[in-house]
Amino acid sequence: MRERGEALEVLVADDGCGGADASKGTGLHGLEERLRVLDGTLKIESKSGKGTRLLAHIPLPTGEEEQPGDDANQE
């Protein structure tokens, strides 16, 4: 995990059998959906016999967005 510019990147990799496919189940698809809620993305590299790499990219808040419960702009 590292901060890169205005985003957080999380890399998960293994040396397993590969072949991971988000369209073939709910696990990776669910991860993609959760990242989308955060305006993030998930890149999947998983060639058969070569293991799997997942790279999640999540934009960090800039401080300009309205926070939940922020009543400063409500009148």
Protein backbone atom coordinates (compact mmCIF):
# COMPACT_ATOMS: atom_id res chain seq x y z
CA MET A 1 0.00 0.00 0.00
CA ARG A 2 1.31 3.45 -0.88
CA GLU A 3 0.15 6.97 -1.44
CA ARG A 4 0.79 8.01 -5.02
CA GLY A 5 -0.08 11.59 -5.84
CA GLU A 6 -3.67 12.17 -4.81
CA ALA A 7 -4.52 8.47 -4.60
CA LEU A 8 -3.94 5.40 -2.51
CA GLU A 9 -2.70 2.30 -4.33
CA VAL A 10 -2.98 -1.19 -2.93
CA LEU A 11 -1.17 -4.04 -4.67
CA VAL A 12 -1.92 -7.67 -3.86
CA ALA A 13 -0.05 -10.41 -5.73
CA ASP A 14 0.44 -14.15 -5.49
CA ASP A 15 2.34 -16.84 -7.36
CA GLY A 16 -0.62 -19.19 -7.67
CA CYS A 17 -2.14 -20.77 -10.77
CA GLY A 18 -3.65 -17.53 -12.14
CA GLY A 19 -6.82 -17.35 -14.17
CA ALA A 20 -8.70 -14.99 -11.84
CA ASP A 21 -11.69 -13.43 -13.60
CA ALA A 22 -14.11 -10.94 -12.00
CA SER A 23 -16.92 -12.10 -14.31
CA LYS A 24 -16.75 -15.69 -12.99
CA GLY A 25 -17.73 -15.09 -9.40
CA THR A 26 -18.69 -12.61 -6.73
CA GLY A 27 -15.37 -12.02 -4.92
CA LEU A 28 -13.47 -9.84 -7.39
CA HIS A 29 -16.68 -8.38 -8.78
CA GLY A 30 -17.69 -7.32 -5.26
CA LEU A 31 -14.29 -5.70 -4.79
CA GLU A 32 -14.75 -3.75 -8.02
CA GLU A 33 -18.17 -2.55 -6.86
CA ARG A 34 -16.82 -1.38 -3.50
CA LEU A 35 -13.99 0.51 -5.19
CA ARG A 36 -16.43 2.15 -7.63
CA VAL A 37 -18.33 3.63 -4.66
CA LEU A 38 -15.05 5.39 -3.76
CA ASP A 39 -14.47 6.46 -7.39
CA GLY A 40 -11.70 3.86 -7.45
CA THR A 41 -10.65 1.18 -9.90
CA LEU A 42 -9.34 -2.37 -9.80
CA LYS A 43 -6.85 -3.67 -12.35
CA ILE A 44 -6.57 -7.46 -12.57
CA GLU A 45 -3.63 -9.25 -14.19
CA SER A 46 -4.00 -13.01 -14.00
CA LYS A 47 -2.50 -15.14 -16.73
CA SER A 48 -2.95 -18.87 -16.36
CA GLY A 49 0.09 -20.38 -14.65
CA LYS A 50 1.56 -16.96 -13.81
CA GLY A 51 -0.20 -15.94 -10.58
CA THR A 52 -2.45 -12.94 -10.01
CA ARG A 53 -1.87 -9.23 -9.43
CA LEU A 54 -4.60 -6.89 -8.21
CA LEU A 55 -3.99 -3.16 -8.18
CA ALA A 56 -6.61 -1.03 -6.45
CA HIS A 57 -6.50 2.72 -7.09
CA ILE A 58 -8.50 4.91 -4.68
CA PRO A 59 -8.60 8.71 -5.00
CA LEU A 60 -7.89 10.47 -1.71
CA PRO A 61 -10.17 13.28 -0.49
CA THR A 62 -8.81 16.70 -1.33
CA GLY A 63 -10.42 18.42 1.63
CA GLU A 64 -12.75 20.39 -0.64
CA GLU A 65 -15.55 17.85 -0.58
CA GLU A 66 -18.39 18.36 1.87
CA GLN A 67 -18.09 15.96 4.79
CA PRO A 68 -21.10 14.08 6.17
CA GLY A 69 -22.75 16.17 8.87
CA ASP A 70 -21.08 19.37 7.65
CA ASP A 71 -23.71 22.05 8.26
CA ALA A 72 -21.49 24.98 7.25
CA ASN A 73 -23.08 25.23 3.79
CA GLN A 74 -26.66 24.64 4.87
CA GLU A 75 -28.90 27.55 5.78
